[in-house]
Amino acid sequence: MKKHLIAALVLGALVAVSPTSQAQEKKGRPDAAEQLKQMAEQLALTPEQKTKLEPILKEQGEKLRALFTDQNTPQEDRRKKMVELRTEFAGKIKAVLTKEQGEKFDKVMAEQAAKRKQK
């Protein structure tokens, strides 16, 4: 009886923790495919724009991921580099967009920056 109770408690704990850990994994920065999907919805991208943006977003993700995992560079230097990367990639992205889409992109980026500052 005692063994069954312990087994049930362990199983219950595993079931309770599993969805929580999966939800936490998703909290980070969206991958390139998810970013492209969000941008397509927000900016009404054409198929040609999606094709051009996909490699840009993948490269951005790879560079930011490398920066996040770099423990040899001081945090302040990584922050500066992150700002530089965001600026660089925003320019590359806006080069693919129309003027109206670029303006909307700037607005979305400003909103996201405000959210980051609140955290």
Protein backbone atom coordinates (compact mmCIF):
# COMPACT_ATOMS: atom_id res chain seq x y z
CA MET A 1 0.00 0.00 0.00
CA LYS A 2 2.77 2.41 0.95
CA LYS A 3 4.64 1.63 -2.30
CA HIS A 4 1.55 2.37 -4.35
CA LEU A 5 1.05 5.69 -2.58
CA ILE A 6 4.66 6.71 -3.21
CA ALA A 7 4.44 5.63 -6.85
CA ALA A 8 1.24 7.62 -7.29
CA LEU A 9 2.80 10.72 -5.73
CA VAL A 10 5.89 10.46 -7.94
CA LEU A 11 3.76 9.96 -11.04
CA GLY A 12 1.57 12.92 -10.07
CA ALA A 13 4.61 15.12 -9.55
CA LEU A 14 6.01 14.15 -12.95
CA VAL A 15 2.72 14.87 -14.68
CA ALA A 16 2.43 18.24 -12.94
CA VAL A 17 6.00 19.28 -13.75
CA SER A 18 5.99 18.15 -17.39
CA PRO A 19 3.59 20.78 -18.82
CA THR A 20 5.23 23.47 -16.71
CA SER A 21 8.69 22.75 -18.07
CA GLN A 22 7.38 22.65 -21.63
CA ALA A 23 5.67 26.00 -21.16
CA GLN A 24 8.87 27.51 -19.78
CA GLU A 25 10.88 26.32 -22.78
CA LYS A 26 8.57 28.29 -25.10
CA LYS A 27 9.01 31.57 -23.18
CA GLY A 28 12.26 32.49 -24.89
CA ARG A 29 12.71 34.30 -28.15
CA PRO A 30 10.65 32.78 -30.97
CA ASP A 31 12.56 30.86 -33.64
CA ALA A 32 12.88 32.15 -37.21
CA ALA A 33 9.80 30.28 -38.44
CA GLU A 34 7.64 31.69 -35.63
CA GLN A 35 9.01 35.21 -36.18
CA LEU A 36 8.29 34.96 -39.90
CA LYS A 37 4.75 33.81 -39.17
CA GLN A 38 4.18 36.72 -36.78
CA MET A 39 5.66 39.22 -39.23
CA ALA A 40 3.55 37.83 -42.08
CA GLU A 41 0.41 38.38 -40.01
CA GLN A 42 1.38 41.81 -38.68
CA LEU A 43 2.80 43.24 -41.91
CA ALA A 44 0.84 41.37 -44.62
CA LEU A 45 4.01 40.03 -46.25
CA THR A 46 4.01 38.80 -49.82
CA PRO A 47 5.34 35.30 -50.59
CA GLU A 48 8.44 36.91 -52.14
CA GLN A 49 9.08 38.94 -48.97
CA LYS A 50 8.72 35.81 -46.83
CA THR A 51 11.31 34.04 -48.99
CA LYS A 52 13.73 36.96 -48.63
CA LEU A 53 13.18 37.37 -44.89
CA GLU A 54 13.57 33.72 -43.89
CA PRO A 55 17.40 33.56 -44.21
CA ILE A 56 17.73 36.98 -42.55
CA LEU A 57 15.70 35.84 -39.53
CA LYS A 58 17.60 32.54 -39.31
CA GLU A 59 20.94 34.37 -39.33
CA GLN A 60 19.67 36.80 -36.69
CA GLY A 61 18.55 33.91 -34.49
CA GLU A 62 21.88 32.13 -34.81
CA LYS A 63 23.89 35.24 -33.96
CA LEU A 64 21.69 36.16 -30.99
CA ARG A 65 21.74 32.57 -29.70
CA ALA A 66 25.54 32.53 -29.90
CA LEU A 67 25.66 35.81 -28.03
CA PHE A 68 23.32 34.54 -25.30
CA THR A 69 25.41 31.42 -24.74
CA ASP A 70 28.78 33.23 -24.80
CA GLN A 71 29.88 33.19 -21.17
CA ASN A 72 33.38 34.53 -21.94
CA THR A 73 32.18 38.02 -22.88
CA PRO A 74 31.11 40.38 -20.08
CA GLN A 75 27.36 40.95 -19.86
CA GLU A 76 27.60 44.67 -20.65
CA ASP A 77 29.55 43.92 -23.85
CA ARG A 78 26.97 41.33 -24.83
CA ARG A 79 24.17 43.87 -24.31
CA LYS A 80 25.94 46.38 -26.55
CA LYS A 81 26.48 43.72 -29.20
CA MET A 82 22.81 42.72 -28.94
CA VAL A 83 21.73 46.31 -29.64
CA GLU A 84 24.11 46.43 -32.62
CA LEU A 85 22.72 43.15 -33.96
CA ARG A 86 19.12 44.30 -33.57
CA THR A 87 19.92 47.51 -35.44
CA GLU A 88 21.79 45.64 -38.18
CA PHE A 89 19.01 43.12 -38.72
CA ALA A 90 16.26 45.74 -38.51
CA GLY A 91 17.96 47.47 -41.44
CA LYS A 92 18.16 44.23 -43.42
CA ILE A 93 14.51 43.46 -42.70
CA LYS A 94 13.31 46.97 -43.58
CA ALA A 95 15.16 46.76 -46.91
CA VAL A 96 12.73 43.97 -47.89
CA LEU A 97 9.60 45.81 -46.72
CA THR A 98 7.52 48.51 -48.36
CA LYS A 99 7.49 51.99 -46.80
CA GLU A 100 4.17 51.31 -45.04
CA GLN A 101 5.33 47.91 -43.79
CA GLY A 102 8.58 49.51 -42.59
CA GLU A 103 6.66 52.08 -40.56
CA LYS A 104 4.51 49.38 -39.00
CA PHE A 105 7.64 47.29 -38.33
CA ASP A 106 9.20 50.27 -36.49
CA LYS A 107 6.06 50.62 -34.39
CA VAL A 108 6.06 46.92 -33.46
CA MET A 109 9.78 47.04 -32.61
CA ALA A 110 9.23 50.08 -30.38
CA GLU A 111 6.43 48.26 -28.55
CA GLN A 112 8.65 45.21 -28.04
CA ALA A 113 11.49 47.39 -26.75
CA ALA A 114 9.10 48.98 -24.25
CA LYS A 115 8.04 45.52 -23.06
CA ARG A 116 11.69 44.48 -22.62
CA LYS A 117 12.37 47.57 -20.52
CA GLN A 118 9.42 46.75 -18.24
CA LYS A 119 10.91 43.35 -17.36
